[in-house]
Amino acid sequence: MPVLDAQLRCWNHESREAVCRCMACGRSYCRECVAEHRGRWLCAACLTGAVAAQAARRGILRRLATPAMIAAGLLLAWLAYWLMGESVIGLIRRIEQTPHA
């Protein structure tokens, strides 16, 4: 019966034994060819893609944060002025309803 070579080889280095698989592409790599990113082992190509995608998502949120804060500030200012106006109107109505002695 022939003996099967069960050792996997690195995708980049044929002479090295693979120690893990990239979670994104599924290829086997040696220790020098993989890096941990957010609890997953990824090869250099997949790691570059993951970091770029993460930076793109973060960029979108940063671009939306400034207009959202401006809108929230305007809404808060409008609410404060409206409440002050309502309280002044209510105070004037109470003063007008009280009889003069």
PDB file of N, CA and C in Angstrom:
ATOM      1  N   MET A   1       0.840  -1.172   0.000  1.00  0.00           N
ATOM      2  CA  MET A   1       0.000   0.000   0.000  1.00  0.00           C
ATOM      3  C   MET A   1       0.889   1.240   0.000  1.00  0.00           C
ATOM      4  N   PRO A   2       0.665   2.216  -0.913  1.00  0.00           N
ATOM      5  CA  PRO A   2       1.513   3.405  -0.966  1.00  0.00           C
ATOM      6  C   PRO A   2       1.219   4.350   0.182  1.00  0.00           C
ATOM      7  N   VAL A   3       2.250   5.028   0.646  1.00  0.00           N
ATOM      8  CA  VAL A   3       2.114   6.007   1.718  1.00  0.00           C
ATOM      9  C   VAL A   3       1.774   7.357   1.086  1.00  0.00           C
ATOM     10  N   LEU A   4       0.718   7.975   1.573  1.00  0.00           N
ATOM     11  CA  LEU A   4       0.282   9.268   1.031  1.00  0.00           C
ATOM     12  C   LEU A   4       0.972  10.400   1.776  1.00  0.00           C
ATOM     13  N   ASP A   5       1.432  11.382   1.032  1.00  0.00           N
ATOM     14  CA  ASP A   5       2.046  12.560   1.638  1.00  0.00           C
ATOM     15  C   ASP A   5       0.928  13.510   2.062  1.00  0.00           C
ATOM     16  N   ALA A   6       0.637  13.541   3.358  1.00  0.00           N
ATOM     17  CA  ALA A   6      -0.489  14.319   3.869  1.00  0.00           C
ATOM     18  C   ALA A   6      -0.104  15.746   4.228  1.00  0.00           C
ATOM     19  N   GLN A   7       1.170  16.094   4.067  1.00  0.00           N
ATOM     20  CA  GLN A   7       1.588  17.437   4.428  1.00  0.00           C
ATOM     21  C   GLN A   7       1.229  18.418   3.315  1.00  0.00           C
ATOM     22  N   LEU A   8       0.648  19.517   3.701  1.00  0.00           N
ATOM     23  CA  LEU A   8       0.321  20.566   2.742  1.00  0.00           C
ATOM     24  C   LEU A   8       1.499  21.517   2.627  1.00  0.00           C
ATOM     25  N   ARG A   9       1.690  22.093   1.480  1.00  0.00           N
ATOM     26  CA  ARG A   9       2.776  23.023   1.224  1.00  0.00           C
ATOM     27  C   ARG A   9       2.223  24.441   1.096  1.00  0.00           C
ATOM     28  N   CYS A  10       3.080  25.398   1.419  1.00  0.00           N
ATOM     29  CA  CYS A  10       2.708  26.817   1.333  1.00  0.00           C
ATOM     30  C   CYS A  10       2.430  27.188  -0.123  1.00  0.00           C
ATOM     31  N   TRP A  11       1.421  28.004  -0.327  1.00  0.00           N
ATOM     32  CA  TRP A  11       1.055  28.450  -1.670  1.00  0.00           C
ATOM     33  C   TRP A  11       2.182  29.282  -2.289  1.00  0.00           C
ATOM     34  N   ASN A  12       2.882  30.078  -1.483  1.00  0.00           N
ATOM     35  CA  ASN A  12       3.952  30.950  -1.964  1.00  0.00           C
ATOM     36  C   ASN A  12       5.326  30.284  -1.950  1.00  0.00           C
ATOM     37  N   HIS A  13       5.544  29.375  -0.996  1.00  0.00           N
ATOM     38  CA  HIS A  13       6.856  28.742  -0.819  1.00  0.00           C
ATOM     39  C   HIS A  13       6.689  27.229  -0.896  1.00  0.00           C
ATOM     40  N   GLU A  14       7.041  26.649  -2.016  1.00  0.00           N
ATOM     41  CA  GLU A  14       6.865  25.201  -2.236  1.00  0.00           C
ATOM     42  C   GLU A  14       7.657  24.351  -1.242  1.00  0.00           C
ATOM     43  N   SER A  15       8.770  24.870  -0.751  1.00  0.00           N
ATOM     44  CA  SER A  15       9.630  24.069   0.127  1.00  0.00           C
ATOM     45  C   SER A  15       9.177  24.097   1.584  1.00  0.00           C
ATOM     46  N   ARG A  16       8.242  24.956   1.926  1.00  0.00           N
ATOM     47  CA  ARG A  16       7.824  25.079   3.329  1.00  0.00           C
ATOM     48  C   ARG A  16       6.492  24.393   3.562  1.00  0.00           C
ATOM     49  N   GLU A  17       6.365  23.881   4.772  1.00  0.00           N
ATOM     50  CA  GLU A  17       5.121  23.215   5.171  1.00  0.00           C
ATOM     51  C   GLU A  17       4.082  24.275   5.547  1.00  0.00           C
ATOM     52  N   ALA A  18       2.866  24.070   5.136  1.00  0.00           N
ATOM     53  CA  ALA A  18       1.779  24.995   5.463  1.00  0.00           C
ATOM     54  C   ALA A  18       1.308  24.745   6.888  1.00  0.00           C
ATOM     55  N   VAL A  19       1.029  25.824   7.604  1.00  0.00           N
ATOM     56  CA  VAL A  19       0.568  25.688   8.985  1.00  0.00           C
ATOM     57  C   VAL A  19      -0.898  26.059   9.142  1.00  0.00           C
ATOM     58  N   CYS A  20      -1.443  26.814   8.207  1.00  0.00           N
ATOM     59  CA  CYS A  20      -2.862  27.173   8.310  1.00  0.00           C
ATOM     60  C   CYS A  20      -3.395  27.561   6.943  1.00  0.00           C
ATOM     61  N   ARG A  21      -4.715  27.712   6.899  1.00  0.00           N
ATOM     62  CA  ARG A  21      -5.387  28.142   5.675  1.00  0.00           C
ATOM     63  C   ARG A  21      -5.902  29.558   5.867  1.00  0.00           C
ATOM     64  N   CYS A  22      -5.860  30.304   4.784  1.00  0.00           N
ATOM     65  CA  CYS A  22      -6.441  31.643   4.792  1.00  0.00           C
ATOM     66  C   CYS A  22      -7.961  31.476   4.880  1.00  0.00           C
ATOM     67  N   MET A  23      -8.584  32.215   5.783  1.00  0.00           N
ATOM     68  CA  MET A  23     -10.023  32.083   5.977  1.00  0.00           C
ATOM     69  C   MET A  23     -10.818  32.680   4.818  1.00  0.00           C
ATOM     70  N   ALA A  24     -10.201  33.552   4.020  1.00  0.00           N
ATOM     71  CA  ALA A  24     -10.919  34.185   2.917  1.00  0.00           C
ATOM     72  C   ALA A  24     -10.805  33.388   1.621  1.00  0.00           C
ATOM     73  N   CYS A  25      -9.581  33.025   1.234  1.00  0.00           N
ATOM     74  CA  CYS A  25      -9.403  32.354  -0.057  1.00  0.00           C
ATOM     75  C   CYS A  25      -9.270  30.834   0.060  1.00  0.00           C
ATOM     76  N   GLY A  26      -8.966  30.326   1.250  1.00  0.00           N
ATOM     77  CA  GLY A  26      -8.901  28.885   1.461  1.00  0.00           C
ATOM     78  C   GLY A  26      -7.580  28.243   1.091  1.00  0.00           C
ATOM     79  N   ARG A  27      -6.583  29.010   0.683  1.00  0.00           N
ATOM     80  CA  ARG A  27      -5.280  28.453   0.335  1.00  0.00           C
ATOM     81  C   ARG A  27      -4.454  28.215   1.595  1.00  0.00           C
ATOM     82  N   SER A  28      -3.521  27.281   1.512  1.00  0.00           N
ATOM     83  CA  SER A  28      -2.649  26.959   2.638  1.00  0.00           C
ATOM     84  C   SER A  28      -1.376  27.794   2.559  1.00  0.00           C
ATOM     85  N   TYR A  29      -0.906  28.252   3.741  1.00  0.00           N
ATOM     86  CA  TYR A  29       0.270  29.106   3.803  1.00  0.00           C
ATOM     87  C   TYR A  29       1.147  28.734   4.980  1.00  0.00           C
ATOM     88  N   CYS A  30       2.427  29.150   4.896  1.00  0.00           N
ATOM     89  CA  CYS A  30       3.353  28.953   6.016  1.00  0.00           C
ATOM     90  C   CYS A  30       3.171  30.102   7.009  1.00  0.00           C
ATOM     91  N   ARG A  31       3.936  30.089   8.094  1.00  0.00           N
ATOM     92  CA  ARG A  31       3.781  31.098   9.144  1.00  0.00           C
ATOM     93  C   ARG A  31       4.131  32.501   8.683  1.00  0.00           C
ATOM     94  N   GLU A  32       5.047  32.626   7.761  1.00  0.00           N
ATOM     95  CA  GLU A  32       5.470  33.947   7.303  1.00  0.00           C
ATOM     96  C   GLU A  32       4.469  34.593   6.354  1.00  0.00           C
ATOM     97  N   CYS A  33       3.587  33.814   5.785  1.00  0.00           N
ATOM     98  CA  CYS A  33       2.672  34.330   4.753  1.00  0.00           C
ATOM     99  C   CYS A  33       1.290  34.701   5.283  1.00  0.00           C
ATOM    100  N   VAL A  34       1.024  34.484   6.549  1.00  0.00           N
ATOM    101  CA  VAL A  34      -0.301  34.798   7.098  1.00  0.00           C
ATOM    102  C   VAL A  34      -0.166  35.792   8.243  1.00  0.00           C
ATOM    103  N   ALA A  35      -1.246  36.492   8.501  1.00  0.00           N
ATOM    104  CA  ALA A  35      -1.311  37.438   9.620  1.00  0.00           C
ATOM    105  C   ALA A  35      -2.713  37.366  10.213  1.00  0.00           C
ATOM    106  N   GLU A  36      -2.789  37.648  11.499  1.00  0.00           N
ATOM    107  CA  GLU A  36      -4.089  37.623  12.168  1.00  0.00           C
ATOM    108  C   GLU A  36      -4.751  38.991  12.035  1.00  0.00           C
ATOM    109  N   HIS A  37      -6.011  38.976  11.651  1.00  0.00           N
ATOM    110  CA  HIS A  37      -6.797  40.205  11.518  1.00  0.00           C
ATOM    111  C   HIS A  37      -8.197  39.932  12.049  1.00  0.00           C
ATOM    112  N   ARG A  38      -8.535  40.592  13.146  1.00  0.00           N
ATOM    113  CA  ARG A  38      -9.859  40.436  13.767  1.00  0.00           C
ATOM    114  C   ARG A  38     -10.197  38.986  14.066  1.00  0.00           C
ATOM    115  N   GLY A  39      -9.231  38.267  14.609  1.00  0.00           N
ATOM    116  CA  GLY A  39      -9.459  36.887  15.019  1.00  0.00           C
ATOM    117  C   GLY A  39      -9.433  35.871  13.892  1.00  0.00           C
ATOM    118  N   ARG A  40      -9.057  36.295  12.686  1.00  0.00           N
ATOM    119  CA  ARG A  40      -8.986  35.375  11.548  1.00  0.00           C
ATOM    120  C   ARG A  40      -7.591  35.433  10.949  1.00  0.00           C
ATOM    121  N   TRP A  41      -7.108  34.303  10.448  1.00  0.00           N
ATOM    122  CA  TRP A  41      -5.811  34.251   9.791  1.00  0.00           C
ATOM    123  C   TRP A  41      -6.027  34.475   8.299  1.00  0.00           C
ATOM    124  N   LEU A  42      -5.355  35.511   7.753  1.00  0.00           N
ATOM    125  CA  LEU A  42      -5.516  35.871   6.354  1.00  0.00           C
ATOM    126  C   LEU A  42      -4.154  35.974   5.667  1.00  0.00           C
ATOM    127  N   CYS A  43      -4.139  35.662   4.376  1.00  0.00           N
ATOM    128  CA  CYS A  43      -2.920  35.850   3.588  1.00  0.00           C
ATOM    129  C   CYS A  43      -2.760  37.339   3.284  1.00  0.00           C
ATOM    130  N   ALA A  44      -1.618  37.714   2.696  1.00  0.00           N
ATOM    131  CA  ALA A  44      -1.336  39.130   2.452  1.00  0.00           C
ATOM    132  C   ALA A  44      -2.354  39.758   1.500  1.00  0.00           C
ATOM    133  N   ALA A  45      -2.734  39.057   0.442  1.00  0.00           N
ATOM    134  CA  ALA A  45      -3.680  39.610  -0.521  1.00  0.00           C
ATOM    135  C   ALA A  45      -5.060  39.817   0.110  1.00  0.00           C
ATOM    136  N   CYS A  46      -5.521  38.835   0.844  1.00  0.00           N
ATOM    137  CA  CYS A  46      -6.844  38.956   1.481  1.00  0.00           C
ATOM    138  C   CYS A  46      -6.817  39.982   2.612  1.00  0.00           C
ATOM    139  N   LEU A  47      -5.684  40.083   3.307  1.00  0.00           N
ATOM    140  CA  LEU A  47      -5.550  41.071   4.369  1.00  0.00           C
ATOM    141  C   LEU A  47      -5.612  42.478   3.796  1.00  0.00           C
ATOM    142  N   THR A  48      -4.959  42.705   2.666  1.00  0.00           N
ATOM    143  CA  THR A  48      -5.005  44.013   2.012  1.00  0.00           C
ATOM    144  C   THR A  48      -6.434  44.366   1.626  1.00  0.00           C
ATOM    145  N   GLY A  49      -7.167  43.413   1.085  1.00  0.00           N
ATOM    146  CA  GLY A  49      -8.558  43.652   0.717  1.00  0.00           C
ATOM    147  C   GLY A  49      -9.438  43.927   1.920  1.00  0.00           C
ATOM    148  N   ALA A  50      -9.218  43.195   3.008  1.00  0.00           N
ATOM    149  CA  ALA A  50     -10.029  43.385   4.215  1.00  0.00           C
ATOM    150  C   ALA A  50      -9.773  44.753   4.839  1.00  0.00           C
ATOM    151  N   VAL A  51      -8.516  45.169   4.878  1.00  0.00           N
ATOM    152  CA  VAL A  51      -8.179  46.470   5.456  1.00  0.00           C
ATOM    153  C   VAL A  51      -8.730  47.592   4.588  1.00  0.00           C
ATOM    154  N   ALA A  52      -8.649  47.444   3.269  1.00  0.00           N
ATOM    155  CA  ALA A  52      -9.196  48.466   2.364  1.00  0.00           C
ATOM    156  C   ALA A  52     -10.709  48.582   2.514  1.00  0.00           C
ATOM    157  N   ALA A  53     -11.393  47.460   2.636  1.00  0.00           N
ATOM    158  CA  ALA A  53     -12.846  47.487   2.807  1.00  0.00           C
ATOM    159  C   ALA A  53     -13.226  48.134   4.132  1.00  0.00           C
ATOM    160  N   GLN A  54     -12.459  47.850   5.177  1.00  0.00           N
ATOM    161  CA  GLN A  54     -12.726  48.442   6.480  1.00  0.00           C
ATOM    162  C   GLN A  54     -12.500  49.953   6.437  1.00  0.00           C
ATOM    163  N   ALA A  55     -11.439  50.392   5.757  1.00  0.00           N
ATOM    164  CA  ALA A  55     -11.163  51.821   5.638  1.00  0.00           C
ATOM    165  C   ALA A  55     -12.251  52.525   4.824  1.00  0.00           C
ATOM    166  N   ALA A  56     -12.771  51.867   3.807  1.00  0.00           N
ATOM    167  CA  ALA A  56     -13.841  52.455   2.998  1.00  0.00           C
ATOM    168  C   ALA A  56     -15.110  52.634   3.827  1.00  0.00           C
ATOM    169  N   ARG A  57     -15.443  51.640   4.631  1.00  0.00           N
ATOM    170  CA  ARG A  57     -16.633  51.760   5.490  1.00  0.00           C
ATOM    171  C   ARG A  57     -16.450  52.891   6.497  1.00  0.00           C
ATOM    172  N   ARG A  58     -15.259  52.987   7.070  1.00  0.00           N
ATOM    173  CA  ARG A  58     -14.984  54.033   8.046  1.00  0.00           C
ATOM    174  C   ARG A  58     -15.042  55.405   7.382  1.00  0.00           C
ATOM    175  N   GLY A  59     -14.582  55.512   6.133  1.00  0.00           N
ATOM    176  CA  GLY A  59     -14.620  56.779   5.407  1.00  0.00           C
ATOM    177  C   GLY A  59     -16.040  57.263   5.163  1.00  0.00           C
ATOM    178  N   ILE A  60     -16.934  56.343   4.843  1.00  0.00           N
ATOM    179  CA  ILE A  60     -18.335  56.705   4.611  1.00  0.00           C
ATOM    180  C   ILE A  60     -18.958  57.241   5.895  1.00  0.00           C
ATOM    181  N   LEU A  61     -18.680  56.586   7.020  1.00  0.00           N
ATOM    182  CA  LEU A  61     -19.242  57.044   8.290  1.00  0.00           C
ATOM    183  C   LEU A  61     -18.695  58.406   8.676  1.00  0.00           C
ATOM    184  N   ARG A  62     -17.413  58.656   8.406  1.00  0.00           N
ATOM    185  CA  ARG A  62     -16.841  59.959   8.731  1.00  0.00           C
ATOM    186  C   ARG A  62     -17.436  61.058   7.872  1.00  0.00           C
ATOM    187  N   ARG A  63     -17.711  60.759   6.613  1.00  0.00           N
ATOM    188  CA  ARG A  63     -18.321  61.770   5.744  1.00  0.00           C
ATOM    189  C   ARG A  63     -19.750  62.077   6.160  1.00  0.00           C
ATOM    190  N   LEU A  64     -20.458  61.107   6.706  1.00  0.00           N
ATOM    191  CA  LEU A  64     -21.845  61.335   7.128  1.00  0.00           C
ATOM    192  C   LEU A  64     -21.941  61.922   8.523  1.00  0.00           C
ATOM    193  N   ALA A  65     -20.881  61.825   9.325  1.00  0.00           N
ATOM    194  CA  ALA A  65     -20.940  62.293  10.709  1.00  0.00           C
ATOM    195  C   ALA A  65     -21.081  63.806  10.794  1.00  0.00           C
ATOM    196  N   THR A  66     -20.346  64.550  10.003  1.00  0.00           N
ATOM    197  CA  THR A  66     -20.397  66.011  10.082  1.00  0.00           C
ATOM    198  C   THR A  66     -21.773  66.573   9.717  1.00  0.00           C
ATOM    199  N   PRO A  67     -22.375  66.182   8.595  1.00  0.00           N
ATOM    200  CA  PRO A  67     -23.726  66.694   8.313  1.00  0.00           C
ATOM    201  C   PRO A  67     -24.755  66.249   9.360  1.00  0.00           C
ATOM    202  N   ALA A  68     -24.589  65.058   9.896  1.00  0.00           N
ATOM    203  CA  ALA A  68     -25.525  64.591  10.920  1.00  0.00           C
ATOM    204  C   ALA A  68     -25.400  65.427  12.185  1.00  0.00           C
ATOM    205  N   MET A  69     -24.181  65.799  12.569  1.00  0.00           N
ATOM    206  CA  MET A  69     -24.001  66.636  13.762  1.00  0.00           C
ATOM    207  C   MET A  69     -24.548  68.039  13.536  1.00  0.00           C
ATOM    208  N   ILE A  70     -24.370  68.584  12.339  1.00  0.00           N
ATOM    209  CA  ILE A  70     -24.917  69.909  12.031  1.00  0.00           C
ATOM    210  C   ILE A  70     -26.443  69.876  12.096  1.00  0.00           C
ATOM    211  N   ALA A  71     -27.042  68.844  11.522  1.00  0.00           N
ATOM    212  CA  ALA A  71     -28.506  68.721  11.558  1.00  0.00           C
ATOM    213  C   ALA A  71     -29.001  68.560  12.987  1.00  0.00           C
ATOM    214  N   ALA A  72     -28.311  67.777  13.793  1.00  0.00           N
ATOM    215  CA  ALA A  72     -28.714  67.594  15.189  1.00  0.00           C
ATOM    216  C   ALA A  72     -28.581  68.905  15.965  1.00  0.00           C
ATOM    217  N   GLY A  73     -27.531  69.679  15.703  1.00  0.00           N
ATOM    218  CA  GLY A  73     -27.358  70.968  16.373  1.00  0.00           C
ATOM    219  C   GLY A  73     -28.451  71.953  16.005  1.00  0.00           C
ATOM    220  N   LEU A  74     -28.799  72.006  14.709  1.00  0.00           N
ATOM    221  CA  LEU A  74     -29.892  72.898  14.280  1.00  0.00           C
ATOM    222  C   LEU A  74     -31.220  72.484  14.896  1.00  0.00           C
ATOM    223  N   LEU A  75     -31.478  71.206  14.955  1.00  0.00           N
ATOM    224  CA  LEU A  75     -32.712  70.719  15.562  1.00  0.00           C
ATOM    225  C   LEU A  75     -32.765  71.057  17.052  1.00  0.00           C
ATOM    226  N   LEU A  76     -31.650  70.899  17.740  1.00  0.00           N
ATOM    227  CA  LEU A  76     -31.600  71.224  19.166  1.00  0.00           C
ATOM    228  C   LEU A  76     -31.788  72.721  19.392  1.00  0.00           C
ATOM    229  N   ALA A  77     -31.166  73.552  18.554  1.00  0.00           N
ATOM    230  CA  ALA A  77     -31.337  74.999  18.689  1.00  0.00           C
ATOM    231  C   ALA A  77     -32.793  75.393  18.427  1.00  0.00           C
ATOM    232  N   TRP A  78     -33.401  74.819  17.384  1.00  0.00           N
ATOM    233  CA  TRP A  78     -34.806  75.123  17.088  1.00  0.00           C
ATOM    234  C   TRP A  78     -35.693  74.718  18.269  1.00  0.00           C
ATOM    235  N   LEU A  79     -35.457  73.546  18.843  1.00  0.00           N
ATOM    236  CA  LEU A  79     -36.253  73.071  19.972  1.00  0.00           C
ATOM    237  C   LEU A  79     -36.099  74.004  21.178  1.00  0.00           C
ATOM    238  N   ALA A  80     -34.884  74.459  21.445  1.00  0.00           N
ATOM    239  CA  ALA A  80     -34.659  75.355  22.585  1.00  0.00           C
ATOM    240  C   ALA A  80     -35.389  76.682  22.385  1.00  0.00           C
ATOM    241  N   TYR A  81     -35.279  77.283  21.203  1.00  0.00           N
ATOM    242  CA  TYR A  81     -35.976  78.550  20.933  1.00  0.00           C
ATOM    243  C   TYR A  81     -37.491  78.369  20.947  1.00  0.00           C
ATOM    244  N   TRP A  82     -37.987  77.255  20.451  1.00  0.00           N
ATOM    245  CA  TRP A  82     -39.423  77.000  20.468  1.00  0.00           C
ATOM    246  C   TRP A  82     -39.933  76.894  21.900  1.00  0.00           C
ATOM    247  N   LEU A  83     -39.191  76.147  22.747  1.00  0.00           N
ATOM    248  CA  LEU A  83     -39.605  76.018  24.151  1.00  0.00           C
ATOM    249  C   LEU A  83     -39.564  77.353  24.880  1.00  0.00           C
ATOM    250  N   MET A  84     -38.535  78.172  24.608  1.00  0.00           N
ATOM    251  CA  MET A  84     -38.483  79.504  25.232  1.00  0.00           C
ATOM    252  C   MET A  84     -39.660  80.355  24.763  1.00  0.00           C
ATOM    253  N   GLY A  85     -39.992  80.317  23.487  1.00  0.00           N
ATOM    254  CA  GLY A  85     -41.128  81.078  22.970  1.00  0.00           C
ATOM    255  C   GLY A  85     -42.436  80.628  23.587  1.00  0.00           C
ATOM    256  N   GLU A  86     -42.631  79.325  23.698  1.00  0.00           N
ATOM    257  CA  GLU A  86     -43.863  78.812  24.311  1.00  0.00           C
ATOM    258  C   GLU A  86     -43.961  79.229  25.778  1.00  0.00           C
ATOM    259  N   SER A  87     -42.849  79.226  26.487  1.00  0.00           N
ATOM    260  CA  SER A  87     -42.913  79.622  27.898  1.00  0.00           C
ATOM    261  C   SER A  87     -43.198  81.116  28.037  1.00  0.00           C
ATOM    262  N   VAL A  88     -42.646  81.947  27.156  1.00  0.00           N
ATOM    263  CA  VAL A  88     -42.936  83.391  27.201  1.00  0.00           C
ATOM    264  C   VAL A  88     -44.400  83.642  26.857  1.00  0.00           C
ATOM    265  N   ILE A  89     -44.930  82.975  25.849  1.00  0.00           N
ATOM    266  CA  ILE A  89     -46.346  83.128  25.483  1.00  0.00           C
ATOM    267  C   ILE A  89     -47.247  82.675  26.629  1.00  0.00           C
ATOM    268  N   GLY A  90     -46.904  81.558  27.263  1.00  0.00           N
ATOM    269  CA  GLY A  90     -47.697  81.093  28.404  1.00  0.00           C
ATOM    270  C   GLY A  90     -47.652  82.069  29.564  1.00  0.00           C
ATOM    271  N   LEU A  91     -46.495  82.669  29.811  1.00  0.00           N
ATOM    272  CA  LEU A  91     -46.364  83.659  30.883  1.00  0.00           C
ATOM    273  C   LEU A  91     -47.203  84.900  30.584  1.00  0.00           C
ATOM    274  N   ILE A  92     -47.199  85.362  29.352  1.00  0.00           N
ATOM    275  CA  ILE A  92     -47.997  86.536  28.965  1.00  0.00           C
ATOM    276  C   ILE A  92     -49.485  86.233  29.115  1.00  0.00           C
ATOM    277  N   ARG A  93     -49.927  85.054  28.729  1.00  0.00           N
ATOM    278  CA  ARG A  93     -51.344  84.688  28.873  1.00  0.00           C
ATOM    279  C   ARG A  93     -51.756  84.673  30.338  1.00  0.00           C
ATOM    280  N   ARG A  94     -50.902  84.171  31.212  1.00  0.00           N
ATOM    281  CA  ARG A  94     -51.238  84.157  32.630  1.00  0.00           C
ATOM    282  C   ARG A  94     -51.310  85.564  33.188  1.00  0.00           C
ATOM    283  N   ILE A  95     -50.394  86.434  32.754  1.00  0.00           N
ATOM    284  CA  ILE A  95     -50.418  87.815  33.231  1.00  0.00           C
ATOM    285  C   ILE A  95     -51.682  88.526  32.780  1.00  0.00           C
ATOM    286  N   GLU A  96     -52.127  88.297  31.551  1.00  0.00           N
ATOM    287  CA  GLU A  96     -53.327  88.950  31.015  1.00  0.00           C
ATOM    288  C   GLU A  96     -54.611  88.433  31.689  1.00  0.00           C
ATOM    289  N   GLN A  97     -54.616  87.211  32.172  1.00  0.00           N
ATOM    290  CA  GLN A  97     -55.808  86.652  32.800  1.00  0.00           C
ATOM    291  C   GLN A  97     -55.960  87.037  34.257  1.00  0.00           C
ATOM    292  N   THR A  98     -54.916  87.469  34.896  1.00  0.00           N
ATOM    293  CA  THR A  98     -55.036  87.848  36.310  1.00  0.00           C
ATOM    294  C   THR A  98     -55.704  89.211  36.416  1.00  0.00           C
ATOM    295  N   PRO A  99     -56.684  89.372  37.296  1.00  0.00           N
ATOM    296  CA  PRO A  99     -57.350  90.676  37.460  1.00  0.00           C
ATOM    297  C   PRO A  99     -56.432  91.651  38.185  1.00  0.00           C
ATOM    298  N   HIS A 100     -56.516  92.926  37.785  1.00  0.00           N
ATOM    299  CA  HIS A 100     -55.717  93.965  38.437  1.00  0.00           C
ATOM    300  C   HIS A 100     -56.421  94.433  39.684  1.00  0.00           C
ATOM    301  N   ALA A 101     -55.730  94.511  40.754  1.00  0.00           N
ATOM    302  CA  ALA A 101     -56.348  94.910  42.029  1.00  0.00           C
ATOM    303  C   ALA A 101     -56.260  96.385  42.303  1.00  0.00           C
TER     304      ALA A 101
END
